[in-house]
Amino acid sequence: PLMLTLKLDGPDSHADLQLPPVALADWWEKTAHAQQPPLALPPGTGKIDIGKINAAGISIEGLHLETGVAPASAASAAAPKRP
């Protein structure tokens, strides 16, 4: 299936995500309708580690989110090499 891969690396933040574009578009469409059930996380797999976020007067430190199975690039990098 078609997947959108997003990888961001910074000095204090890291994101490695795989998102299905069609399912992501359906999820985004639901954000515009107040009658929908409470919104869940967007579809996809991966993990995000953010050292610090400051937005709209809110400060979050040490944010870690992980969903589904880690993308192949992260899983293969963490897997031990066998001879």
PDB file of N, CA and C in Angstrom:
ATOM      1  N   PRO A   1       0.820  -1.203   0.000  1.00  0.00           N
ATOM      2  CA  PRO A   1       0.000   0.000   0.000  1.00  0.00           C
ATOM      3  C   PRO A   1       0.860   1.261   0.000  1.00  0.00           C
ATOM      4  N   LEU A   2       0.292   2.329  -0.472  1.00  0.00           N
ATOM      5  CA  LEU A   2       0.963   3.626  -0.514  1.00  0.00           C
ATOM      6  C   LEU A   2       1.121   4.174   0.898  1.00  0.00           C
ATOM      7  N   MET A   3       2.350   4.578   1.254  1.00  0.00           N
ATOM      8  CA  MET A   3       2.623   5.131   2.579  1.00  0.00           C
ATOM      9  C   MET A   3       3.451   6.402   2.449  1.00  0.00           C
ATOM     10  N   LEU A   4       3.137   7.365   3.281  1.00  0.00           N
ATOM     11  CA  LEU A   4       3.904   8.591   3.380  1.00  0.00           C
ATOM     12  C   LEU A   4       4.854   8.409   4.557  1.00  0.00           C
ATOM     13  N   THR A   5       6.154   8.532   4.314  1.00  0.00           N
ATOM     14  CA  THR A   5       7.155   8.369   5.369  1.00  0.00           C
ATOM     15  C   THR A   5       7.673   9.733   5.772  1.00  0.00           C
ATOM     16  N   LEU A   6       7.666   9.977   7.070  1.00  0.00           N
ATOM     17  CA  LEU A   6       8.127  11.251   7.610  1.00  0.00           C
ATOM     18  C   LEU A   6       9.194  10.958   8.652  1.00  0.00           C
ATOM     19  N   LYS A   7      10.375  11.537   8.439  1.00  0.00           N
ATOM     20  CA  LYS A   7      11.463  11.355   9.396  1.00  0.00           C
ATOM     21  C   LYS A   7      12.073  12.723   9.669  1.00  0.00           C
ATOM     22  N   LEU A   8      12.106  13.091  10.940  1.00  0.00           N
ATOM     23  CA  LEU A   8      12.673  14.364  11.362  1.00  0.00           C
ATOM     24  C   LEU A   8      13.674  14.093  12.477  1.00  0.00           C
ATOM     25  N   ASP A   9      14.855  14.681  12.368  1.00  0.00           N
ATOM     26  CA  ASP A   9      15.863  14.552  13.414  1.00  0.00           C
ATOM     27  C   ASP A   9      16.381  15.933  13.770  1.00  0.00           C
ATOM     28  N   GLY A  10      16.392  16.219  15.045  1.00  0.00           N
ATOM     29  CA  GLY A  10      16.906  17.485  15.532  1.00  0.00           C
ATOM     30  C   GLY A  10      17.746  17.227  16.765  1.00  0.00           C
ATOM     31  N   PRO A  11      18.319  18.274  17.351  1.00  0.00           N
ATOM     32  CA  PRO A  11      19.191  18.076  18.500  1.00  0.00           C
ATOM     33  C   PRO A  11      18.459  17.498  19.714  1.00  0.00           C
ATOM     34  N   ASP A  12      17.169  17.767  19.853  1.00  0.00           N
ATOM     35  CA  ASP A  12      16.427  17.320  21.031  1.00  0.00           C
ATOM     36  C   ASP A  12      15.118  16.633  20.656  1.00  0.00           C
ATOM     37  N   SER A  13      14.906  16.374  19.352  1.00  0.00           N
ATOM     38  CA  SER A  13      13.643  15.801  18.901  1.00  0.00           C
ATOM     39  C   SER A  13      13.883  14.795  17.777  1.00  0.00           C
ATOM     40  N   HIS A  14      12.984  13.826  17.685  1.00  0.00           N
ATOM     41  CA  HIS A  14      13.094  12.798  16.664  1.00  0.00           C
ATOM     42  C   HIS A  14      11.681  12.318  16.317  1.00  0.00           C
ATOM     43  N   ALA A  15      11.406  12.131  15.035  1.00  0.00           N
ATOM     44  CA  ALA A  15      10.134  11.555  14.585  1.00  0.00           C
ATOM     45  C   ALA A  15      10.421  10.604  13.440  1.00  0.00           C
ATOM     46  N   ASP A  16       9.805   9.444  13.475  1.00  0.00           N
ATOM     47  CA  ASP A  16       9.941   8.448  12.433  1.00  0.00           C
ATOM     48  C   ASP A  16       8.554   7.832  12.258  1.00  0.00           C
ATOM     49  N   LEU A  17       7.818   8.280  11.248  1.00  0.00           N
ATOM     50  CA  LEU A  17       6.422   7.895  11.074  1.00  0.00           C
ATOM     51  C   LEU A  17       6.152   7.370   9.675  1.00  0.00           C
ATOM     52  N   GLN A  18       5.170   6.484   9.575  1.00  0.00           N
ATOM     53  CA  GLN A  18       4.638   6.050   8.292  1.00  0.00           C
ATOM     54  C   GLN A  18       3.136   6.266   8.345  1.00  0.00           C
ATOM     55  N   LEU A  19       2.624   7.050   7.404  1.00  0.00           N
ATOM     56  CA  LEU A  19       1.211   7.419   7.392  1.00  0.00           C
ATOM     57  C   LEU A  19       0.567   7.020   6.066  1.00  0.00           C
ATOM     58  N   PRO A  20      -0.592   6.347   6.120  1.00  0.00           N
ATOM     59  CA  PRO A  20      -1.305   6.023   4.881  1.00  0.00           C
ATOM     60  C   PRO A  20      -2.078   7.263   4.414  1.00  0.00           C
ATOM     61  N   PRO A  21      -1.744   7.847   3.251  1.00  0.00           N
ATOM     62  CA  PRO A  21      -2.346   9.112   2.832  1.00  0.00           C
ATOM     63  C   PRO A  21      -3.873   9.100   2.736  1.00  0.00           C
ATOM     64  N   VAL A  22      -4.462   8.021   2.215  1.00  0.00           N
ATOM     65  CA  VAL A  22      -5.920   7.980   2.063  1.00  0.00           C
ATOM     66  C   VAL A  22      -6.596   7.969   3.432  1.00  0.00           C
ATOM     67  N   ALA A  23      -6.109   7.143   4.347  1.00  0.00           N
ATOM     68  CA  ALA A  23      -6.679   7.094   5.693  1.00  0.00           C
ATOM     69  C   ALA A  23      -6.427   8.403   6.438  1.00  0.00           C
ATOM     70  N   LEU A  24      -5.281   9.031   6.205  1.00  0.00           N
ATOM     71  CA  LEU A  24      -4.979  10.316   6.826  1.00  0.00           C
ATOM     72  C   LEU A  24      -5.940  11.394   6.330  1.00  0.00           C
ATOM     73  N   ALA A  25      -6.267  11.378   5.041  1.00  0.00           N
ATOM     74  CA  ALA A  25      -7.232  12.339   4.482  1.00  0.00           C
ATOM     75  C   ALA A  25      -8.616  12.130   5.090  1.00  0.00           C
ATOM     76  N   ASP A  26      -9.030  10.876   5.258  1.00  0.00           N
ATOM     77  CA  ASP A  26     -10.322  10.587   5.896  1.00  0.00           C
ATOM     78  C   ASP A  26     -10.330  11.082   7.335  1.00  0.00           C
ATOM     79  N   TRP A  27      -9.241  10.854   8.062  1.00  0.00           N
ATOM     80  CA  TRP A  27      -9.134  11.333   9.444  1.00  0.00           C
ATOM     81  C   TRP A  27      -9.223  12.858   9.491  1.00  0.00           C
ATOM     82  N   TRP A  28      -8.503  13.525   8.593  1.00  0.00           N
ATOM     83  CA  TRP A  28      -8.496  14.993   8.567  1.00  0.00           C
ATOM     84  C   TRP A  28      -9.895  15.532   8.275  1.00  0.00           C
ATOM     85  N   GLU A  29     -10.631  14.882   7.385  1.00  0.00           N
ATOM     86  CA  GLU A  29     -11.997  15.297   7.049  1.00  0.00           C
ATOM     87  C   GLU A  29     -12.895  15.263   8.288  1.00  0.00           C
ATOM     88  N   LYS A  30     -12.702  14.297   9.152  1.00  0.00           N
ATOM     89  CA  LYS A  30     -13.514  14.172  10.365  1.00  0.00           C
ATOM     90  C   LYS A  30     -13.277  15.321  11.336  1.00  0.00           C
ATOM     91  N   THR A  31     -12.127  15.994  11.262  1.00  0.00           N
ATOM     92  CA  THR A  31     -11.844  17.097  12.180  1.00  0.00           C
ATOM     93  C   THR A  31     -12.756  18.289  11.928  1.00  0.00           C
ATOM     94  N   ALA A  32     -13.363  18.364  10.746  1.00  0.00           N
ATOM     95  CA  ALA A  32     -14.214  19.504  10.392  1.00  0.00           C
ATOM     96  C   ALA A  32     -15.666  19.311  10.825  1.00  0.00           C
ATOM     97  N   HIS A  33     -16.039  18.142  11.331  1.00  0.00           N
ATOM     98  CA  HIS A  33     -17.428  17.850  11.671  1.00  0.00           C
ATOM     99  C   HIS A  33     -17.595  17.693  13.180  1.00  0.00           C
ATOM    100  N   ALA A  34     -18.332  18.611  13.786  1.00  0.00           N
ATOM    101  CA  ALA A  34     -18.537  18.580  15.236  1.00  0.00           C
ATOM    102  C   ALA A  34     -19.382  17.385  15.676  1.00  0.00           C
ATOM    103  N   GLN A  35     -20.193  16.817  14.791  1.00  0.00           N
ATOM    104  CA  GLN A  35     -21.061  15.713  15.155  1.00  0.00           C
ATOM    105  C   GLN A  35     -20.332  14.364  15.217  1.00  0.00           C
ATOM    106  N   GLN A  36     -19.106  14.314  14.782  1.00  0.00           N
ATOM    107  CA  GLN A  36     -18.340  13.071  14.794  1.00  0.00           C
ATOM    108  C   GLN A  36     -17.984  12.690  16.237  1.00  0.00           C
ATOM    109  N   PRO A  37     -17.729  11.397  16.485  1.00  0.00           N
ATOM    110  CA  PRO A  37     -17.258  10.995  17.821  1.00  0.00           C
ATOM    111  C   PRO A  37     -15.910  11.654  18.119  1.00  0.00           C
ATOM    112  N   PRO A  38     -15.477  11.616  19.378  1.00  0.00           N
ATOM    113  CA  PRO A  38     -14.187  12.249  19.727  1.00  0.00           C
ATOM    114  C   PRO A  38     -13.063  11.780  18.805  1.00  0.00           C
ATOM    115  N   LEU A  39     -12.234  12.716  18.456  1.00  0.00           N
ATOM    116  CA  LEU A  39     -11.148  12.457  17.516  1.00  0.00           C
ATOM    117  C   LEU A  39     -10.041  11.618  18.150  1.00  0.00           C
ATOM    118  N   ALA A  40      -9.581  10.625  17.418  1.00  0.00           N
ATOM    119  CA  ALA A  40      -8.480   9.768  17.858  1.00  0.00           C
ATOM    120  C   ALA A  40      -7.187  10.254  17.206  1.00  0.00           C
ATOM    121  N   LEU A  41      -6.089   9.601  17.530  1.00  0.00           N
ATOM    122  CA  LEU A  41      -4.818   9.909  16.867  1.00  0.00           C
ATOM    123  C   LEU A  41      -4.938   9.617  15.382  1.00  0.00           C
ATOM    124  N   PRO A  42      -4.189  10.324  14.552  1.00  0.00           N
ATOM    125  CA  PRO A  42      -4.221  10.021  13.115  1.00  0.00           C
ATOM    126  C   PRO A  42      -3.708   8.608  12.847  1.00  0.00           C
ATOM    127  N   PRO A  43      -4.140   8.010  11.736  1.00  0.00           N
ATOM    128  CA  PRO A  43      -3.690   6.652  11.419  1.00  0.00           C
ATOM    129  C   PRO A  43      -2.205   6.648  11.075  1.00  0.00           C
ATOM    130  N   GLY A  44      -1.542   5.565  11.382  1.00  0.00           N
ATOM    131  CA  GLY A  44      -0.128   5.440  11.028  1.00  0.00           C
ATOM    132  C   GLY A  44       0.622   4.666  12.078  1.00  0.00           C
ATOM    133  N   THR A  45       1.899   4.478  11.831  1.00  0.00           N
ATOM    134  CA  THR A  45       2.767   3.776  12.774  1.00  0.00           C
ATOM    135  C   THR A  45       4.049   4.576  12.951  1.00  0.00           C
ATOM    136  N   GLY A  46       4.689   4.382  14.077  1.00  0.00           N
ATOM    137  CA  GLY A  46       5.969   5.037  14.309  1.00  0.00           C
ATOM    138  C   GLY A  46       6.091   5.574  15.712  1.00  0.00           C
ATOM    139  N   LYS A  47       7.067   6.462  15.894  1.00  0.00           N
ATOM    140  CA  LYS A  47       7.249   7.060  17.206  1.00  0.00           C
ATOM    141  C   LYS A  47       7.780   8.477  17.081  1.00  0.00           C
ATOM    142  N   ILE A  48       7.495   9.258  18.124  1.00  0.00           N
ATOM    143  CA  ILE A  48       7.922  10.655  18.206  1.00  0.00           C
ATOM    144  C   ILE A  48       8.505  10.880  19.596  1.00  0.00           C
ATOM    145  N   ASP A  49       9.674  11.487  19.650  1.00  0.00           N
ATOM    146  CA  ASP A  49      10.300  11.900  20.902  1.00  0.00           C
ATOM    147  C   ASP A  49      10.624  13.379  20.777  1.00  0.00           C
ATOM    148  N   ILE A  50      10.049  14.187  21.664  1.00  0.00           N
ATOM    149  CA  ILE A  50      10.264  15.636  21.622  1.00  0.00           C
ATOM    150  C   ILE A  50      10.728  16.089  23.004  1.00  0.00           C
ATOM    151  N   GLY A  51      11.862  16.759  23.031  1.00  0.00           N
ATOM    152  CA  GLY A  51      12.424  17.226  24.294  1.00  0.00           C
ATOM    153  C   GLY A  51      11.566  18.274  24.978  1.00  0.00           C
ATOM    154  N   LYS A  52      11.101  19.280  24.211  1.00  0.00           N
ATOM    155  CA  LYS A  52      10.313  20.351  24.814  1.00  0.00           C
ATOM    156  C   LYS A  52       9.456  21.025  23.753  1.00  0.00           C
ATOM    157  N   ILE A  53       8.203  21.297  24.097  1.00  0.00           N
ATOM    158  CA  ILE A  53       7.272  22.015  23.216  1.00  0.00           C
ATOM    159  C   ILE A  53       6.708  23.191  24.002  1.00  0.00           C
ATOM    160  N   ASN A  54       6.714  24.378  23.418  1.00  0.00           N
ATOM    161  CA  ASN A  54       6.059  25.550  23.985  1.00  0.00           C
ATOM    162  C   ASN A  54       5.075  26.067  22.953  1.00  0.00           C
ATOM    163  N   ALA A  55       3.786  26.029  23.268  1.00  0.00           N
ATOM    164  CA  ALA A  55       2.769  26.508  22.328  1.00  0.00           C
ATOM    165  C   ALA A  55       1.562  27.020  23.100  1.00  0.00           C
ATOM    166  N   ALA A  56       1.085  28.181  22.726  1.00  0.00           N
ATOM    167  CA  ALA A  56      -0.132  28.776  23.296  1.00  0.00           C
ATOM    168  C   ALA A  56      -0.112  28.781  24.825  1.00  0.00           C
ATOM    169  N   GLY A  57       1.028  29.104  25.403  1.00  0.00           N
ATOM    170  CA  GLY A  57       1.122  29.190  26.855  1.00  0.00           C
ATOM    171  C   GLY A  57       1.243  27.849  27.559  1.00  0.00           C
ATOM    172  N   ILE A  58       1.396  26.776  26.808  1.00  0.00           N
ATOM    173  CA  ILE A  58       1.544  25.443  27.392  1.00  0.00           C
ATOM    174  C   ILE A  58       2.963  24.946  27.127  1.00  0.00           C
ATOM    175  N   SER A  59       3.582  24.365  28.136  1.00  0.00           N
ATOM    176  CA  SER A  59       4.922  23.816  27.983  1.00  0.00           C
ATOM    177  C   SER A  59       4.886  22.328  28.317  1.00  0.00           C
ATOM    178  N   ILE A  60       5.402  21.499  27.390  1.00  0.00           N
ATOM    179  CA  ILE A  60       5.466  20.049  27.594  1.00  0.00           C
ATOM    180  C   ILE A  60       6.922  19.639  27.443  1.00  0.00           C
ATOM    181  N   GLU A  61       7.423  18.870  28.391  1.00  0.00           N
ATOM    182  CA  GLU A  61       8.797  18.381  28.334  1.00  0.00           C
ATOM    183  C   GLU A  61       8.808  16.860  28.338  1.00  0.00           C
ATOM    184  N   GLY A  62       9.691  16.281  27.538  1.00  0.00           N
ATOM    185  CA  GLY A  62       9.868  14.832  27.511  1.00  0.00           C
ATOM    186  C   GLY A  62       8.703  14.075  26.901  1.00  0.00           C
ATOM    187  N   LEU A  63       8.141  14.559  25.819  1.00  0.00           N
ATOM    188  CA  LEU A  63       7.004  13.909  25.167  1.00  0.00           C
ATOM    189  C   LEU A  63       7.476  12.706  24.361  1.00  0.00           C
ATOM    190  N   HIS A  64       6.845  11.559  24.574  1.00  0.00           N
ATOM    191  CA  HIS A  64       7.141  10.333  23.815  1.00  0.00           C
ATOM    192  C   HIS A  64       5.816   9.726  23.390  1.00  0.00           C
ATOM    193  N   LEU A  65       5.615   9.576  22.083  1.00  0.00           N
ATOM    194  CA  LEU A  65       4.433   8.917  21.535  1.00  0.00           C
ATOM    195  C   LEU A  65       4.882   7.775  20.655  1.00  0.00           C
ATOM    196  N   GLU A  66       4.231   6.628  20.799  1.00  0.00           N
ATOM    197  CA  GLU A  66       4.542   5.475  19.962  1.00  0.00           C
ATOM    198  C   GLU A  66       3.236   4.806  19.585  1.00  0.00           C
ATOM    199  N   THR A  67       3.090   4.492  18.300  1.00  0.00           N
ATOM    200  CA  THR A  67       1.873   3.856  17.835  1.00  0.00           C
ATOM    201  C   THR A  67       2.198   2.753  16.845  1.00  0.00           C
ATOM    202  N   GLY A  68       1.470   1.660  16.919  1.00  0.00           N
ATOM    203  CA  GLY A  68       1.677   0.566  15.984  1.00  0.00           C
ATOM    204  C   GLY A  68       3.070  -0.009  16.083  1.00  0.00           C
ATOM    205  N   VAL A  69       3.548  -0.529  14.995  1.00  0.00           N
ATOM    206  CA  VAL A  69       4.888  -1.100  14.900  1.00  0.00           C
ATOM    207  C   VAL A  69       5.816  -0.033  14.361  1.00  0.00           C
ATOM    208  N   ALA A  70       7.010   0.070  14.897  1.00  0.00           N
ATOM    209  CA  ALA A  70       7.972   1.070  14.437  1.00  0.00           C
ATOM    210  C   ALA A  70       8.262   0.868  12.954  1.00  0.00           C
ATOM    211  N   PRO A  71       8.463   1.951  12.196  1.00  0.00           N
ATOM    212  CA  PRO A  71       8.797   1.823  10.779  1.00  0.00           C
ATOM    213  C   PRO A  71      10.028   0.939  10.580  1.00  0.00           C
ATOM    214  N   ALA A  72      10.110   0.319   9.418  1.00  0.00           N
ATOM    215  CA  ALA A  72      11.177  -0.639   9.119  1.00  0.00           C
ATOM    216  C   ALA A  72      12.561  -0.032   9.329  1.00  0.00           C
ATOM    217  N   SER A  73      12.757   1.226   8.973  1.00  0.00           N
ATOM    218  CA  SER A  73      14.077   1.839   9.108  1.00  0.00           C
ATOM    219  C   SER A  73      14.510   1.895  10.571  1.00  0.00           C
ATOM    220  N   ALA A  74      13.586   2.196  11.471  1.00  0.00           N
ATOM    221  CA  ALA A  74      13.917   2.255  12.895  1.00  0.00           C
ATOM    222  C   ALA A  74      14.109   0.857  13.452  1.00  0.00           C
ATOM    223  N   ALA A  75      13.263  -0.087  13.024  1.00  0.00           N
ATOM    224  CA  ALA A  75      13.363  -1.459  13.526  1.00  0.00           C
ATOM    225  C   ALA A  75      14.663  -2.110  13.067  1.00  0.00           C
ATOM    226  N   SER A  76      15.058  -1.886  11.818  1.00  0.00           N
ATOM    227  CA  SER A  76      16.281  -2.516  11.324  1.00  0.00           C
ATOM    228  C   SER A  76      17.517  -1.894  11.951  1.00  0.00           C
ATOM    229  N   ALA A  77      17.460  -0.597  12.287  1.00  0.00           N
ATOM    230  CA  ALA A  77      18.601   0.056  12.919  1.00  0.00           C
ATOM    231  C   ALA A  77      18.792  -0.443  14.347  1.00  0.00           C
ATOM    232  N   ALA A  78      17.681  -0.814  15.016  1.00  0.00           N
ATOM    233  CA  ALA A  78      17.766  -1.259  16.394  1.00  0.00           C
ATOM    234  C   ALA A  78      18.053  -2.742  16.505  1.00  0.00           C
ATOM    235  N   ALA A  79      17.816  -3.498  15.430  1.00  0.00           N
ATOM    236  CA  ALA A  79      18.002  -4.944  15.477  1.00  0.00           C
ATOM    237  C   ALA A  79      19.491  -5.276  15.447  1.00  0.00           C
ATOM    238  N   PRO A  80      19.905  -6.247  16.281  1.00  0.00           N
ATOM    239  CA  PRO A  80      21.327  -6.630  16.258  1.00  0.00           C
ATOM    240  C   PRO A  80      21.670  -7.320  14.949  1.00  0.00           C
ATOM    241  N   LYS A  81      22.887  -7.098  14.486  1.00  0.00           N
ATOM    242  CA  LYS A  81      23.375  -7.724  13.241  1.00  0.00           C
ATOM    243  C   LYS A  81      23.815  -9.147  13.546  1.00  0.00           C
ATOM    244  N   ARG A  82      23.430 -10.064  12.670  1.00  0.00           N
ATOM    245  CA  ARG A  82      23.853 -11.448  12.827  1.00  0.00           C
ATOM    246  C   ARG A  82      24.859 -11.795  11.748  1.00  0.00           C
ATOM    247  N   PRO A  83      25.865 -12.606  12.085  1.00  0.00           N
ATOM    248  CA  PRO A  83      26.892 -12.965  11.092  1.00  0.00           C
ATOM    249  C   PRO A  83      26.365 -13.892  10.021  1.00  0.00           C
TER     250      PRO A  83
END
